[in-house]
Protein backbone atom coordinates (compact mmCIF):
# COMPACT_ATOMS: atom_id res chain seq x y z
CA MET A 1 53.26 68.52 332.03
CA SER A 2 50.12 66.88 330.64
CA THR A 3 49.92 66.59 326.87
CA ASP A 4 46.18 65.83 326.77
CA LEU A 5 44.17 67.94 324.36
CA PRO A 6 41.83 70.41 326.03
CA PRO A 7 38.10 69.66 325.63
CA ASP A 8 36.32 71.21 322.63
CA LEU A 9 39.55 72.18 320.91
CA PRO A 10 38.61 74.06 317.70
CA GLY A 11 38.89 71.71 314.76
CA ALA A 12 38.85 68.56 316.88
CA PRO A 13 36.25 65.90 316.07
CA PRO A 14 33.06 66.36 318.12
CA SER A 15 32.58 64.07 321.08
CA ARG A 16 29.73 61.56 321.13
CA LYS A 17 28.09 63.57 323.89
CA GLY A 18 28.45 66.73 321.81
CA VAL A 19 26.84 65.09 318.79
CA GLN A 20 23.95 63.84 320.92
CA ARG A 21 23.46 67.21 322.57
CA LYS A 22 23.46 69.01 319.21
CA ALA A 23 20.91 66.52 317.84
CA GLN A 24 18.81 67.09 320.96
CA VAL A 25 18.73 70.82 320.21
CA VAL A 26 17.81 70.23 316.55
CA ASP A 27 15.00 67.83 317.49
CA ALA A 28 13.66 70.41 319.94
CA ALA A 29 13.76 73.06 317.21
CA LEU A 30 11.73 70.79 314.92
CA ARG A 31 9.09 70.30 317.60
CA VAL A 32 8.85 74.04 318.23
CA ILE A 33 8.51 74.74 314.50
CA GLY A 34 5.83 72.06 314.19
CA ARG A 35 3.78 73.75 316.92
CA GLU A 36 4.57 77.44 316.50
CA GLY A 37 5.96 77.80 312.97
CA VAL A 38 9.36 79.15 311.99
CA ARG A 39 8.43 82.61 313.23
CA GLY A 40 7.73 81.21 316.68
CA LEU A 41 11.24 79.78 316.96
CA SER A 42 13.70 81.40 319.34
CA MET A 43 16.88 80.15 320.95
CA ARG A 44 15.21 80.47 324.36
CA ALA A 45 12.15 78.47 323.25
CA VAL A 46 14.35 75.72 321.86
CA ALA A 47 16.45 75.55 325.02
CA ALA A 48 13.29 75.21 327.11
CA GLU A 49 11.90 72.53 324.78
CA ALA A 50 15.17 70.58 324.88
CA GLY A 51 15.55 71.01 328.65
CA VAL A 52 19.04 72.48 328.32
CA PRO A 53 20.58 75.82 329.34
CA LEU A 54 20.23 78.66 326.85
CA GLY A 55 24.00 78.67 326.45
CA THR A 56 23.85 75.17 324.97
CA THR A 57 21.87 76.34 321.96
CA THR A 58 24.17 79.31 321.33
CA TYR A 59 27.23 77.07 321.74
CA TYR A 60 26.19 74.82 318.86
CA PHE A 61 24.46 77.42 316.69
CA ALA A 62 25.73 80.94 316.17
CA ASP A 63 22.25 82.36 315.72
CA ARG A 64 18.62 81.54 315.04
CA ASP A 65 19.13 81.35 311.25
CA ALA A 66 21.86 78.72 311.64
CA LEU A 67 19.55 76.64 313.83
CA VAL A 68 16.67 76.93 311.35
CA GLU A 69 18.91 75.78 308.49
CA ALA A 70 20.23 72.82 310.51
CA ALA A 71 16.69 71.83 311.45
CA PHE A 72 15.57 71.97 307.82
CA ARG A 73 18.49 69.81 306.68
CA CYS A 74 17.66 67.27 309.38
CA HIS A 75 13.98 67.25 308.47
CA ALA A 76 14.75 66.90 304.75
CA GLN A 77 17.04 63.93 305.40
CA ARG A 78 14.42 62.18 307.51
CA GLU A 79 11.57 62.83 305.11
CA THR A 80 13.69 61.72 302.16
CA ALA A 81 14.40 58.46 303.97
CA ARG A 82 10.66 58.02 304.65
CA VAL A 83 9.81 58.59 300.98
CA VAL A 84 12.56 56.26 299.76
CA ALA A 85 11.38 53.55 302.17
CA ALA A 86 7.78 54.00 300.96
CA VAL A 87 8.85 53.68 297.32
CA ALA A 88 11.04 50.64 298.06
CA ALA A 89 8.14 48.94 299.85
CA MET A 90 6.05 49.14 296.68
CA GLY A 91 8.12 46.35 295.12
CA PRO A 92 8.98 45.61 291.48
CA ASP A 93 5.59 44.24 290.40
CA LEU A 94 3.65 47.40 291.12
CA SER A 95 0.56 48.19 289.04
CA THR A 96 -0.84 51.65 288.34
CA ALA A 97 -3.72 50.96 290.72
CA ASP A 98 -1.25 49.80 293.37
CA LEU A 99 0.70 53.04 293.04
CA ALA A 100 -2.51 55.06 293.42
CA HIS A 101 -3.34 53.16 296.63
CA ARG A 102 0.19 53.45 298.04
CA LEU A 103 0.38 57.18 297.39
CA ALA A 104 -3.03 57.64 298.98
CA ASP A 105 -1.77 55.72 302.02
CA PHE A 106 1.31 57.96 302.12
CA VAL A 107 -0.74 61.16 302.06
CA VAL A 108 -3.20 59.82 304.66
CA ALA A 109 -0.27 58.87 306.93
CA GLY A 110 1.10 62.39 306.56
CA LEU A 111 -2.24 63.90 307.52
CA THR A 112 -2.64 61.63 310.56
CA GLU A 113 0.37 59.99 312.24
CA HIS A 114 2.94 62.38 310.69
CA ARG A 115 0.82 65.52 310.87
CA ASP A 116 3.37 67.54 312.87
CA LEU A 117 6.14 66.57 310.44
CA LEU A 118 3.99 67.59 307.49
CA ARG A 119 3.19 70.93 309.08
CA THR A 120 6.90 71.45 309.71
CA GLU A 121 7.76 70.58 306.11
CA TYR A 122 5.47 73.23 304.65
CA GLU A 123 6.74 75.76 307.17
CA PHE A 124 10.24 75.13 305.86
CA LEU A 125 9.25 75.22 302.20
CA GLY A 126 7.46 78.51 302.71
CA GLU A 127 10.47 79.93 304.53
CA ALA A 128 12.76 78.72 301.72
CA SER A 129 10.89 80.97 299.29
CA ARG A 130 12.13 83.94 301.35
CA ARG A 131 15.58 82.82 302.48
CA SER A 132 18.40 81.83 300.18
CA GLY A 133 20.08 79.81 302.93
CA LEU A 134 17.26 77.27 302.82
CA GLN A 135 16.83 77.06 299.08
CA GLY A 136 19.62 74.54 298.50
CA ALA A 137 18.20 72.05 300.99
CA SER A 138 14.69 72.66 299.66
CA SER A 139 15.73 72.07 296.05
CA ALA A 140 17.67 68.91 296.92
CA PHE A 141 14.73 67.50 298.89
CA LEU A 142 12.19 68.15 296.13
CA GLN A 143 14.58 66.86 293.44
CA THR A 144 15.00 63.59 295.34
CA LEU A 145 11.24 63.10 295.47
CA GLN A 146 10.98 63.92 291.77
CA LEU A 147 13.68 61.42 290.74
CA HIS A 148 12.24 58.54 292.75
CA LEU A 149 8.77 59.12 291.37
CA GLU A 150 10.12 59.46 287.81
CA ALA A 151 11.70 56.02 288.10
CA THR A 152 8.45 54.56 289.42
CA VAL A 153 6.15 55.93 286.72
CA SER A 154 8.70 55.11 284.02
CA ALA A 155 8.63 51.46 285.13
CA LEU A 156 4.83 51.57 284.77
CA GLY A 157 5.09 52.68 281.15
CA SER A 158 5.02 56.46 281.28
CA PRO A 159 6.50 57.89 278.06
CA THR A 160 7.01 61.24 279.80
CA PRO A 161 8.13 60.36 283.35
CA ARG A 162 9.46 63.79 284.23
CA THR A 163 6.18 65.53 283.41
CA ASP A 164 4.03 62.81 284.97
CA ALA A 165 6.10 62.72 288.16
CA ARG A 166 5.75 66.48 288.49
CA LEU A 167 1.98 66.18 288.00
CA VAL A 168 1.69 63.52 290.70
CA LEU A 169 3.82 65.53 293.13
CA ALA A 170 1.63 68.58 292.48
CA VAL A 171 -1.45 66.53 293.39
CA VAL A 172 0.26 65.20 296.53
CA ALA A 173 1.23 68.71 297.63
CA GLY A 174 -2.19 70.13 296.78
CA LEU A 175 -3.99 67.51 298.84
CA GLU A 176 -1.61 67.92 301.77
CA VAL A 177 -1.91 71.72 301.86
CA ASP A 178 -5.69 71.76 301.35
CA LEU A 179 -6.43 69.06 303.94
CA LEU A 180 -3.87 69.99 306.57
CA VAL A 181 -5.92 73.00 307.65
CA SER A 182 -8.86 70.86 308.86
CA PRO A 183 -9.19 67.91 311.26
CA PHE A 184 -8.87 64.53 309.57
CA HIS A 185 -12.12 62.60 309.15
CA PRO A 186 -12.90 59.26 307.44
CA ALA A 187 -14.36 61.25 304.54
CA THR A 188 -10.95 62.91 304.13
CA GLY A 189 -9.32 59.55 303.54
CA ARG A 190 -11.99 58.63 300.99
CA LEU A 191 -11.41 61.91 299.16
CA VAL A 192 -7.66 61.27 299.00
CA ARG A 193 -8.13 57.75 297.66
CA ALA A 194 -10.73 58.81 295.08
CA THR A 195 -8.42 61.57 293.86
CA PHE A 196 -5.50 59.23 293.28
CA ASP A 197 -7.73 56.60 291.67
CA ARG A 198 -8.99 59.21 289.21
CA LEU A 199 -5.52 60.62 288.58
CA PHE A 200 -3.91 57.28 287.78
CA ALA A 201 -6.85 56.00 285.76
CA GLY A 202 -6.38 59.05 283.56
CA LEU A 203 -2.61 58.61 283.35
CA GLU A 204 -2.94 54.94 282.51
CA ALA A 205 -5.31 55.78 279.68
CA VAL A 206 -2.81 58.29 278.31
CA TRP A 207 0.11 55.88 278.65
CA SER A 208 -1.72 53.16 276.72
CA THR A 209 -2.46 55.33 273.67
């Protein structure tokens, strides 16, 4: 008699194919949310987007809520990595003006090449205000951004890095939300850069007193 384990034995480590197929479903869910919003997400829509049978989505995710939560965790991990990479690229000899320019570049990139990801992010954050299952991932994501920015402004001489980091993040979020609703134009980029120049000129003046 064969002693091989049956496929997909409960508790057994997932196969490489299974991991890839599950990631395929999550990626499809993120694309659907970026286009249609969280309310436009259904297991059938995700299966069609991923090009897999409907049973594949229900095999990996018990219901729509479980898929939404998995998609948010995936998005948060990817966006955290993007933010960390952006901060690391700033280097140790960053000036206040440099930080203003880099943050402006980051916001402009979000409004142009990462527009779908940005739209997805605010869909998730809005949904997290209504669903407790998303609040942990939302809080962890925002806390990571806060801590990285605190370290950056502290190195620039901020005597109140927690408050200043929160102020900068509020400006980032405000610009993203306000400007995401309209097509991006060259004047939009100039507005973003002027806003950060003004913000950090004011902060630098406060820090030097």
